[in-house]
Amino acid sequence: MEGKNALRGLPVYQPGKSLEEVKQEFGLSEVVKLASNENPFGCSPRVWEALREEQSHTPLYPEAEAPQLRGELARSLGVDPERLVFGNGSDEIVQMIARAYLDQGDEAVMAEVTFPRYKTQTVIEGGVPVEVPLKDGVHDLEAMAAAVTERTRLIWVCNPNNPTGTIVSGKELEAFLERLPEHVLVVVDEAYFEYVEDPSYPDSLALLKKDPRLLVLRTFSKIYGLAAFRIGYGVTSEAIVGELNKVREPFNTNRIAQRAARAALTDQEFVQRCQKANREGIEQIQRQLVEWGLSAFPTQGNFLLIDTGRPADEVYQSLLKQGIIIRSGAALGYPTHIRVTIGNEEQNRLFLQGLAACLEKPFTERG
């Protein structure tokens, strides 16, 4: 039996292959996964200490409004608690936004190459995705503003953008917001916010205080290392939170995830160490790419989109057989690019070693 018309031809999201899947498929005992922009250093040890306290609470439903996490996160961010909305990962909030704001035929403007769930959720709700090409791998805000019509309800800006890792600056975003009509909600997805080091990056929470059309998405899945727990959040106006709560499932964020996020928030030293190690990993890989004459987009995330000069699917398969899981850019409109998550020093070395073998490049192992 077929589903509703909007689902016809809609692809199913394909996550990166799992470690277990690749081990079994190729008979490998060791596999490195650098496909899903996960934190190679795991999460703060404080998370596991905190979760011991939850053992006696497993029969109980979670607090639907996440009051403790809400209060602690609000203090950390310097925002009013009523401006926060939580989701089963920020992916669920993307779904909630589309469900709350898109009617049949409404338009949602987004980059042509960006996080695919914006388009998927738009289509599911009967909306019309309006895709604007990137400009040198960066959101073309001028062209996105020009694409807005009276039917536009949403604009999605992934910043840093996945998969290119590029950013739009604070000045660019502020000028963009000033050009937009009042009926458009602008969602700025900052999943990789904590990795950014570029001083031109927007202070989106400050912008939010003076622009009620703005909704900022963030997550505990990336630098905090809690992807398995599925917990993300949005910061926006109380009015928009109210609309999202109308479509939010009851008990959508589980108690264990809420407790893990609270513990993770208290360990900002862990976050800073991960940010430093990520920058060192980017430099480790980029040094070798320069030696090989290869290029990558300038990233502010924990991943690189690398032009290998070869068909991306071939490079992907070659690395996979060596036990290194990355992402091919072929389906993204980048037929010779691969996206690789920044790992720890040893994982990065193994990736470079595998890429060297695939591309027949010289590689000297470094400690």
Protein backbone atom coordinates (compact mmCIF):
# COMPACT_ATOMS: atom_id res chain seq x y z
CA MET A 1 0.00 0.00 0.00
CA GLU A 2 1.44 3.37 -1.03
CA GLY A 3 1.70 6.30 1.32
CA LYS A 4 0.46 9.81 0.64
CA ASN A 5 1.28 11.51 -2.66
CA ALA A 6 4.00 13.71 -1.19
CA LEU A 7 6.05 10.61 -0.35
CA ARG A 8 6.21 9.30 -3.92
CA GLY A 9 9.80 9.35 -5.10
CA LEU A 10 11.04 10.68 -1.76
CA PRO A 11 14.36 9.00 -0.89
CA VAL A 12 14.93 7.39 2.48
CA TYR A 13 17.69 9.06 4.49
CA GLN A 14 20.85 6.95 4.35
CA PRO A 15 23.10 7.32 7.39
CA GLY A 16 26.77 6.45 7.19
CA LYS A 17 27.51 2.74 7.26
CA SER A 18 27.95 1.34 10.76
CA LEU A 19 31.16 -0.14 12.10
CA GLU A 20 29.52 -3.55 12.50
CA GLU A 21 28.17 -3.54 8.93
CA VAL A 22 31.56 -2.81 7.38
CA LYS A 23 33.39 -5.33 9.57
CA GLN A 24 30.99 -8.07 8.50
CA GLU A 25 30.91 -7.07 4.81
CA PHE A 26 34.68 -7.00 4.33
CA GLY A 27 35.83 -9.40 7.05
CA LEU A 28 37.68 -6.67 8.96
CA SER A 29 38.50 -6.61 12.65
CA GLU A 30 39.21 -2.87 12.85
CA VAL A 31 37.20 -0.12 11.19
CA VAL A 32 37.43 3.68 11.44
CA LYS A 33 34.17 5.59 11.03
CA LEU A 34 34.61 9.14 9.73
CA ALA A 35 31.25 9.49 8.00
CA SER A 36 28.74 11.09 10.37
CA ASN A 37 30.57 14.04 11.95
CA GLU A 38 30.62 12.38 15.36
CA ASN A 39 33.03 13.37 18.14
CA PRO A 40 35.96 10.91 18.11
CA PHE A 41 36.63 11.70 21.77
CA GLY A 42 33.22 10.55 22.97
CA CYS A 43 31.55 12.58 25.69
CA SER A 44 32.54 14.05 29.02
CA PRO A 45 33.12 11.45 31.77
CA ARG A 46 30.72 13.51 33.87
CA VAL A 47 27.88 12.15 31.72
CA TRP A 48 28.42 8.58 32.91
CA GLU A 49 28.79 9.69 36.50
CA ALA A 50 25.47 11.53 36.29
CA LEU A 51 23.60 8.65 34.66
CA ARG A 52 24.15 6.41 37.68
CA GLU A 53 21.62 8.61 39.46
CA GLU A 54 18.97 7.76 36.87
CA GLN A 55 18.86 4.00 37.42
CA SER A 56 15.92 4.19 39.81
CA HIS A 57 13.93 6.44 37.46
CA THR A 58 13.71 4.20 34.39
CA PRO A 59 10.03 3.23 35.00
CA LEU A 60 8.99 6.90 34.97
CA TYR A 61 8.05 9.05 32.02
CA PRO A 62 10.40 11.99 31.43
CA GLU A 63 9.45 15.56 32.24
CA ALA A 64 7.84 16.74 29.02
CA GLU A 65 9.15 20.31 29.35
CA ALA A 66 12.66 19.26 30.49
CA PRO A 67 12.53 21.82 33.32
CA GLN A 68 15.97 21.16 34.84
CA LEU A 69 17.76 21.08 31.51
CA ARG A 70 15.76 24.10 30.38
CA GLY A 71 16.83 26.17 33.38
CA GLU A 72 20.49 25.15 33.25
CA LEU A 73 20.79 25.64 29.49
CA ALA A 74 19.01 29.00 29.68
CA ARG A 75 21.54 30.21 32.27
CA SER A 76 24.42 28.90 30.17
CA LEU A 77 23.16 30.70 27.04
CA GLY A 78 21.91 33.83 28.81
CA VAL A 79 18.37 33.50 27.42
CA ASP A 80 14.88 33.30 28.85
CA PRO A 81 13.91 29.64 29.53
CA GLU A 82 10.61 30.16 27.67
CA ARG A 83 12.60 30.74 24.48
CA LEU A 84 13.86 27.13 24.40
CA VAL A 85 12.35 24.10 22.69
CA PHE A 86 13.87 20.61 22.87
CA GLY A 87 13.83 17.76 20.39
CA ASN A 88 14.86 14.16 19.90
CA GLY A 89 17.95 15.54 18.22
CA SER A 90 17.67 18.83 16.35
CA ASP A 91 16.37 16.68 13.45
CA GLU A 92 13.05 16.41 15.27
CA ILE A 93 12.84 20.17 15.63
CA VAL A 94 13.37 20.47 11.86
CA GLN A 95 10.35 18.18 11.50
CA MET A 96 8.35 20.22 14.03
CA ILE A 97 9.11 23.47 12.21
CA ALA A 98 7.94 22.11 8.87
CA ARG A 99 4.81 20.63 10.43
CA ALA A 100 3.93 23.83 12.26
CA TYR A 101 4.59 26.33 9.48
CA LEU A 102 4.09 24.70 6.07
CA ASP A 103 0.73 24.25 4.39
CA GLN A 104 0.19 22.65 0.99
CA GLY A 105 2.02 24.70 -1.65
CA ASP A 106 3.97 26.88 0.78
CA GLU A 107 7.58 27.50 -0.20
CA ALA A 108 10.74 26.91 1.80
CA VAL A 109 13.99 28.42 0.54
CA MET A 110 17.24 26.53 1.17
CA ALA A 111 20.66 25.97 -0.33
CA GLU A 112 20.86 23.44 -3.14
CA VAL A 113 23.60 21.55 -1.28
CA THR A 114 22.92 21.47 2.44
CA PHE A 115 21.53 19.23 5.20
CA PRO A 116 18.95 17.11 3.31
CA ARG A 117 16.29 16.95 6.03
CA TYR A 118 15.16 20.51 5.27
CA LYS A 119 14.02 19.45 1.82
CA THR A 120 12.62 16.12 3.00
CA GLN A 121 10.45 17.63 5.73
CA THR A 122 9.27 20.37 3.38
CA VAL A 123 8.13 17.79 0.82
CA ILE A 124 6.44 15.59 3.45
CA GLU A 125 4.28 18.54 4.53
CA GLY A 126 3.28 19.28 0.94
CA GLY A 127 5.54 22.31 0.73
CA VAL A 128 7.67 23.37 -2.22
CA PRO A 129 11.44 23.37 -1.72
CA VAL A 130 13.14 26.29 -3.49
CA GLU A 131 16.80 25.37 -3.83
CA VAL A 132 19.42 28.07 -4.43
CA PRO A 133 22.92 27.09 -5.63
CA LEU A 134 25.83 27.70 -3.30
CA LYS A 135 28.38 30.33 -4.27
CA ASP A 136 31.91 28.93 -3.86
CA GLY A 137 30.48 26.47 -1.35
CA VAL A 138 28.81 29.21 0.72
CA HIS A 139 25.12 30.11 1.09
CA ASP A 140 24.30 32.78 -1.50
CA LEU A 141 22.16 34.93 0.77
CA GLU A 142 21.56 37.54 -1.90
CA ALA A 143 20.11 34.95 -4.27
CA MET A 144 18.14 33.35 -1.44
CA ALA A 145 16.56 36.69 -0.57
CA ALA A 146 15.69 37.20 -4.25
CA ALA A 147 13.99 33.78 -4.28
CA VAL A 148 11.48 34.81 -1.59
CA THR A 149 7.88 35.22 -2.73
CA GLU A 150 4.55 35.78 -1.03
CA ARG A 151 4.33 31.96 -0.74
CA THR A 152 7.62 31.67 1.18
CA ARG A 153 7.14 30.67 4.80
CA LEU A 154 10.56 29.28 5.77
CA ILE A 155 14.22 29.87 4.97
CA TRP A 156 16.83 27.34 6.10
CA VAL A 157 20.42 28.49 6.63
CA CYS A 158 22.87 25.80 7.77
CA ASN A 159 25.78 27.66 9.38
CA PRO A 160 28.38 26.11 9.23
CA ASN A 161 26.94 24.42 6.18
CA ASN A 162 26.86 20.65 5.96
CA PRO A 163 28.62 19.31 3.83
CA THR A 164 30.93 22.20 2.87
CA GLY A 165 31.77 23.48 6.38
CA THR A 166 31.58 27.09 5.19
CA ILE A 167 29.92 29.95 7.07
CA VAL A 168 28.06 33.17 6.43
CA SER A 169 29.24 36.07 8.57
CA GLY A 170 27.30 38.03 11.14
CA LYS A 171 27.19 41.10 8.90
CA GLU A 172 25.91 39.03 5.98
CA LEU A 173 23.22 37.36 8.07
CA GLU A 174 22.06 40.65 9.61
CA ALA A 175 21.80 42.30 6.18
CA PHE A 176 19.93 39.26 4.90
CA LEU A 177 17.37 39.44 7.71
CA GLU A 178 16.76 43.11 7.01
CA ARG A 179 15.80 42.30 3.40
CA LEU A 180 13.15 39.72 4.28
CA PRO A 181 9.40 40.31 4.64
CA GLU A 182 7.72 39.84 8.01
CA HIS A 183 5.93 36.62 7.06
CA VAL A 184 9.12 34.56 6.65
CA LEU A 185 10.61 32.46 9.46
CA VAL A 186 14.40 32.09 9.23
CA VAL A 187 15.92 28.93 10.70
CA VAL A 188 19.67 29.11 11.32
CA ASP A 189 21.00 25.62 12.00
CA GLU A 190 24.13 25.87 14.16
CA ALA A 191 24.76 22.18 14.80
CA TYR A 192 28.52 22.80 14.56
CA PHE A 193 28.49 26.11 16.42
CA GLU A 194 30.98 25.05 19.10
CA TYR A 195 33.65 24.19 16.52
CA VAL A 196 33.64 27.62 14.87
CA GLU A 197 36.75 29.79 15.36
CA ASP A 198 36.16 32.48 12.73
CA PRO A 199 35.53 35.80 14.56
CA SER A 200 33.13 36.94 11.81
CA TYR A 201 30.65 34.20 12.77
CA PRO A 202 27.21 35.57 13.77
CA ASP A 203 26.14 36.12 17.35
CA SER A 204 22.79 34.64 16.45
CA LEU A 205 21.39 34.79 20.00
CA ALA A 206 21.98 38.55 20.04
CA LEU A 207 20.25 38.85 16.66
CA LEU A 208 17.36 36.79 17.99
CA LYS A 209 16.69 39.31 20.74
CA LYS A 210 15.77 41.94 18.14
CA ASP A 211 14.32 39.74 15.40
CA PRO A 212 11.33 37.56 16.38
CA ARG A 213 11.41 35.76 12.99
CA LEU A 214 14.65 33.97 13.84
CA LEU A 215 14.98 30.41 15.15
CA VAL A 216 18.42 29.04 16.05
CA LEU A 217 19.01 25.29 16.15
CA ARG A 218 21.79 23.63 18.13
CA THR A 219 22.53 20.10 19.30
CA PHE A 220 24.30 17.98 21.87
CA SER A 221 25.11 15.39 19.19
CA LYS A 222 28.32 16.93 17.85
CA ILE A 223 30.99 18.42 20.10
CA TYR A 224 29.25 17.19 23.27
CA GLY A 225 29.42 13.62 21.93
CA LEU A 226 25.81 12.68 22.75
CA ALA A 227 24.60 11.59 19.30
CA ALA A 228 23.38 8.25 20.66
CA PHE A 229 21.16 10.02 23.22
CA ARG A 230 19.33 12.19 20.61
CA ILE A 231 18.92 15.58 22.19
CA GLY A 232 18.90 18.97 20.47
CA TYR A 233 17.33 22.35 21.05
CA GLY A 234 16.07 25.51 19.43
CA VAL A 235 16.19 29.10 20.66
CA THR A 236 13.55 31.48 19.37
CA SER A 237 10.67 33.74 20.43
CA GLU A 238 8.09 32.54 22.94
CA ALA A 239 5.42 32.80 20.23
CA ILE A 240 7.27 30.40 17.92
CA VAL A 241 7.98 28.01 20.81
CA GLY A 242 4.23 27.99 21.45
CA GLU A 243 3.51 27.00 17.85
CA LEU A 244 6.13 24.24 17.90
CA ASN A 245 4.75 22.86 21.15
CA LYS A 246 1.43 22.30 19.38
CA VAL A 247 3.06 19.71 17.12
CA ARG A 248 5.68 18.38 19.54
CA GLU A 249 5.13 14.80 20.65
CA PRO A 250 4.63 14.34 24.41
CA PHE A 251 7.74 13.00 26.18
CA ASN A 252 9.77 13.58 22.99
CA THR A 253 13.10 13.89 24.82
CA ASN A 254 13.84 11.00 27.16
CA ARG A 255 14.93 11.40 30.75
CA ILE A 256 18.34 9.78 30.22
CA ALA A 257 19.13 12.19 27.38
CA GLN A 258 18.06 15.19 29.44
CA ARG A 259 20.33 14.12 32.31
CA ALA A 260 23.24 13.45 29.95
CA ALA A 261 22.90 16.90 28.39
CA ARG A 262 22.82 18.57 31.80
CA ALA A 263 26.05 16.82 32.80
CA ALA A 264 27.71 17.60 29.47
CA LEU A 265 26.95 21.30 29.90
CA THR A 266 28.97 21.44 33.11
CA ASP A 267 32.19 20.31 31.42
CA GLN A 268 33.21 23.15 29.15
CA GLU A 269 36.87 22.16 29.54
CA PHE A 270 36.02 18.98 27.61
CA VAL A 271 34.40 21.08 24.89
CA GLN A 272 37.47 23.31 24.63
CA ARG A 273 39.80 20.30 24.39
CA CYS A 274 37.65 18.83 21.61
CA GLN A 275 37.65 22.12 19.72
CA LYS A 276 41.46 22.38 19.97
CA ALA A 277 41.95 18.77 18.87
CA ASN A 278 39.55 19.29 15.97
CA ARG A 279 41.51 22.29 14.69
CA GLU A 280 44.76 20.32 14.99
CA GLY A 281 43.14 17.45 13.06
CA ILE A 282 42.03 19.78 10.27
CA GLU A 283 45.57 21.12 10.02
CA GLN A 284 46.99 17.57 10.04
CA ILE A 285 44.86 16.58 7.06
CA GLN A 286 45.18 19.88 5.19
CA ARG A 287 49.00 19.79 5.35
CA GLN A 288 48.96 16.47 3.54
CA LEU A 289 46.38 17.65 1.02
CA VAL A 290 48.61 20.61 0.15
CA GLU A 291 51.55 18.25 -0.42
CA TRP A 292 49.38 16.22 -2.78
CA GLY A 293 48.02 19.27 -4.58
CA LEU A 294 44.45 18.58 -3.43
CA SER A 295 41.96 21.14 -2.16
CA ALA A 296 39.13 21.25 0.37
CA PHE A 297 36.53 23.83 1.28
CA PRO A 298 37.59 26.05 4.22
CA THR A 299 35.75 24.43 7.09
CA GLN A 300 34.51 25.74 10.43
CA GLY A 301 32.98 22.38 11.36
CA ASN A 302 34.44 18.99 12.30
CA PHE A 303 34.62 17.70 8.74
CA LEU A 304 36.24 18.46 5.40
CA LEU A 305 34.80 18.27 1.88
CA ILE A 306 37.84 17.26 -0.18
CA ASP A 307 38.24 17.30 -3.95
CA THR A 308 40.10 14.08 -4.75
CA GLY A 309 40.17 14.60 -8.51
CA ARG A 310 38.73 11.11 -8.88
CA PRO A 311 35.14 9.82 -9.02
CA ALA A 312 33.93 10.12 -5.44
CA ASP A 313 32.15 6.76 -5.37
CA GLU A 314 35.34 4.98 -6.41
CA VAL A 315 37.31 6.68 -3.63
CA TYR A 316 34.55 5.87 -1.15
CA GLN A 317 34.57 2.18 -2.07
CA SER A 318 38.36 1.97 -2.00
CA LEU A 319 38.49 3.45 1.50
CA LEU A 320 35.60 1.26 2.64
CA LYS A 321 37.50 -1.89 1.67
CA GLN A 322 40.36 -0.62 3.81
CA GLY A 323 38.02 -0.22 6.77
CA ILE A 324 37.64 3.56 6.56
CA ILE A 325 34.07 4.88 6.34
CA ILE A 326 33.62 8.34 4.81
CA ARG A 327 30.90 9.94 2.66
CA SER A 328 30.87 10.27 -1.11
CA GLY A 329 29.92 13.66 -2.50
CA ALA A 330 28.53 12.17 -5.70
CA ALA A 331 24.90 12.44 -4.60
CA LEU A 332 25.48 16.02 -3.42
CA GLY A 333 26.51 17.48 -6.75
CA TYR A 334 30.20 17.15 -5.94
CA PRO A 335 31.16 14.13 -8.07
CA THR A 336 34.87 14.17 -7.18
CA HIS A 337 34.56 15.20 -3.52
CA ILE A 338 34.46 13.16 -0.33
CA ARG A 339 33.35 14.34 3.09
CA VAL A 340 35.47 13.12 5.96
CA THR A 341 34.89 13.70 9.67
CA ILE A 342 37.92 14.91 11.59
CA GLY A 343 39.02 12.05 13.84
CA ASN A 344 41.71 11.75 16.46
CA GLU A 345 45.34 11.87 15.34
CA GLU A 346 45.58 8.13 14.66
CA GLN A 347 42.25 7.99 12.80
CA ASN A 348 43.33 10.93 10.64
CA ARG A 349 46.61 9.18 9.88
CA LEU A 350 44.81 5.99 8.87
CA PHE A 351 42.49 7.99 6.63
CA LEU A 352 45.42 9.72 4.92
CA GLN A 353 47.21 6.41 4.53
CA GLY A 354 44.12 4.88 2.93
CA LEU A 355 43.55 7.89 0.69
CA ALA A 356 47.20 7.79 -0.41
CA ALA A 357 46.82 4.15 -1.43
CA CYS A 358 43.62 4.93 -3.33
CA LEU A 359 45.03 7.96 -5.16
CA GLU A 360 48.54 6.48 -5.58
CA LYS A 361 50.07 9.36 -3.69
CA PRO A 362 53.24 9.29 -1.55
CA PHE A 363 52.62 9.17 2.18
CA THR A 364 55.11 9.24 5.04
CA GLU A 365 53.60 8.07 8.30
CA ARG A 366 53.89 10.61 11.06
CA GLY A 367 53.53 10.08 14.76
